Structure formats: C-alpha cells, structure tokens
Amino acid sequence: MRRWLLAALVFAAIAGTAFALAAMRHAETGWISPVFADDGRTIVVVRRDISAWVVGPGFESFTPPARVRLSSDRFSVWRIDTRSGDSREIAHFTPTPFVGTWFDAYRPRLFGAASADLQPSDDSLSVTVGLTRSAVPIAENWNAKGMLTPDSARLESWQKGQAQPSVPGPATLHGPVEVVAVPGGAMPCGVALIDSSSGTVRPLVMSVGCERRYGRQLRIADVESASHRKRIEREQMVERTYADLVRQHMERGEREVDARLAAIRDMRRLGHYPPVPQLTARTLDDAEVTRRGKAGTLSPLYLIAEKEFGVGLFPDLERALDRPGTPVEKHSGPYIVHEGFDTSRRLNAFLRGGGREFFVERGGRVFAVTLDVGTP
C-alpha cells in the first residue's frame, strides 16, 4: 500500500512539474545600455517589456525546444534623474515584429537577445535598438533607429538586419561615477551607479525580477562584471598618448604622415600597441664564417639568388640585409612561394617551427639574421 502511495505521489509531482512547464506566462523587464546625458544630471537607457506564453521546458540538449508566443514586446527610451532616481518614458518604438507569432526557442534565449546603442549630444539623442530572435532552426536579426530632440521624436519602424554591436564607452563614465546595467537573467534587470571613489553602488531602477535576485540593495560584487571603467580609461590613455606623440614629432618639424608612423613605433616601444616582429641582420666576417662552419653552427643557411629578391619574394629580408644592425619590420604572413625556387618554402617551414635565427648568403657575403617577435 505504501509503495503504491509513494508511486502516486511521485507521479503527481512529476505531472505537476510537467503541467507547470507545459504552459507558463512570462513577464520580464530589461534595462539596456544606459549612458549619461545632460552633463551627468540624467541617464538615458532603453527599456524592454515582454509578456509571453511559453509551452514546454525547452532545455537545450535535454528536451525539445519550447514553443513561445509573444503577447507584447516593446522597446522604449527612458530618462532617469541621477539624484532623485525619478524615471520617465520619453519615446517608444512600435512593437517588435515577433508579437503575436509562435516560434521555437531554448532557454535562456526564449525571447532573443536585445541590444541598444545610445549616442547623446547637446541637443539630440541617437538611438539604435537591435533584436536577434534565437528561434529554431534559424535566427532572425531586426533593428530600429530613432533620433530624439527636445521638440520631436523620429522613430523608424523595425527592419531586417543586424544592429551594430554596442560596447560601453566613455558615455558610461562621469567623473568617479559609472552607470551600469545590472546583470539579470536573459536581460539586464536594472540600472545602477558605481562610485569608484567610495567603492559604493547605488541602484536607480530595478525590475521585480532584479529585486527577487538581489533584494533592494546591491553590492559591488553584484555589478562588477558589468563595469568597463578599466578598459575605457586605458583606451582613453592610449588615445591621449598617441596624440601627444604625434604632436611632439610634428613640433620637431616632421610631416604629419611621418609623425604618425613614428608615433606608432613609439607606442609599440612603450607597450601600448602590439609588437611587430622585426628582422635584424648582422654581417659575418670570413673568420666567423669559417669558425661556425667547422663547429656546425652555420645552420640553417639559405643561399638566396638576386633573382629571388628581384621578383619580390623577400622584401623585408632584403631591407634588413641592406642595412645591417637596423631592425626592419617583418612582412606579415609567410613568404610567397615561387615555382622556380624552394627557398621561401624552406624558410617558411623553419619560421613556422619556431626558428628565430638563420643565415643568408647573398652576393658572396654571409649574414646572421635574427627574428625578434617581441613580447605582447
């Protein structure tokens, strides 16, 4: 009797779970890509409100996809006062093309991936919103654009096409304060301010799901993954340094194009730009050639005919041999292989295998050539 009762209870639990997953109504609010405006007094942000029916579990690799029907899907632009936290809608787009349609999708991408790019200026706000519906078997990309001014709001209809990915930039920083979208589930669930001077975080708006996830207060640990301050400030430092170097070279009388090239070399030397592999040649005298030959350390040795240089197989190597002791930027990629010669093929194989020093005989002279790949 007990076994039958236990089996009935297990069956009821499974049936109840299956029923709960069979048809569930979802409502979510997301806050996307907040940036400062009005000299830091306000924040503009895109809000997405979704209401949908979801039928089936939709766990990828374990179950078939869920059936999803969006009852409503709305993108709007909001302005938030940074002092009071008061928020208001200033414009909204037409409902997305997926409203009223059924499609298959897996969790947690049931409603697709939303993006936004907001570019505020003194008298206008440019907005682009994007939506990728991760439907099975084919995803769809849509976007809509708008231009807002104090007197008007021109919002375009949704059209097919992928929106340019938005990366948080300087507009998310205002002095020591950074505005971030609070990480949520499928979408960011709120907007918060991180004060780097005090190490505190202050929520401005939070959805119901956000409060369920974090409570009414946020910790730095809750939002640190959404912070981009270090990257942004480094990029700003690199831009300033490059501009200063260009100016310094031009003040010495160099042409702008030469000043820019020299500044790039300086930036690499300072470690701000990725290093470029360089070739440096050194002429060997007869005594060293003889000594290395006897010791077996004159290897690999490539005898390169002038015709190979003439057809442009080794332009960087030729420059290095013409100016011993002066580093020369190595040609990107492997050397061109010519059907009449096999030197390129053999040298490519040597360098591909990690070789860093080789020898070249040209016009009766022997050179030791070193490849310096630098340190990233």
Foldseek 3Di string as FASTA:
>chain_A
DVVVVVVVVVVVVVVVVLVCQQKDKDWAKFWADWFADPLRQKIKIKMKIWIKIWGHQQAPPPDFFIKIATQWIWIFMKMAGPPPLDMDTDGIADTDPRHGHIFTHHPPQQPFAKHKDWDDDPFKIKIKIKGWRPTPPDIWIKMWIWMDGPVDIGTGHIDTDHDDHDDDAPRQDRVQKGKFQFDAGRHRFFIWIARNVVRAIGTSDGDPRRCVVANRGDHCVRCVVRDDVVVRVLVVVLVVQLVVQLVVVVVVVDDSVVSNVVSVVVCVVVVNDPDFKWKAKDWDDPVVVVVCVVVVNQPDEAEDEVVCVVVPQAVQVVVNVVPHPDITGGDPDATDDDPVDCRSVVVRVCVVVPDFWHWYDYPNTIMIMGIDRDDD
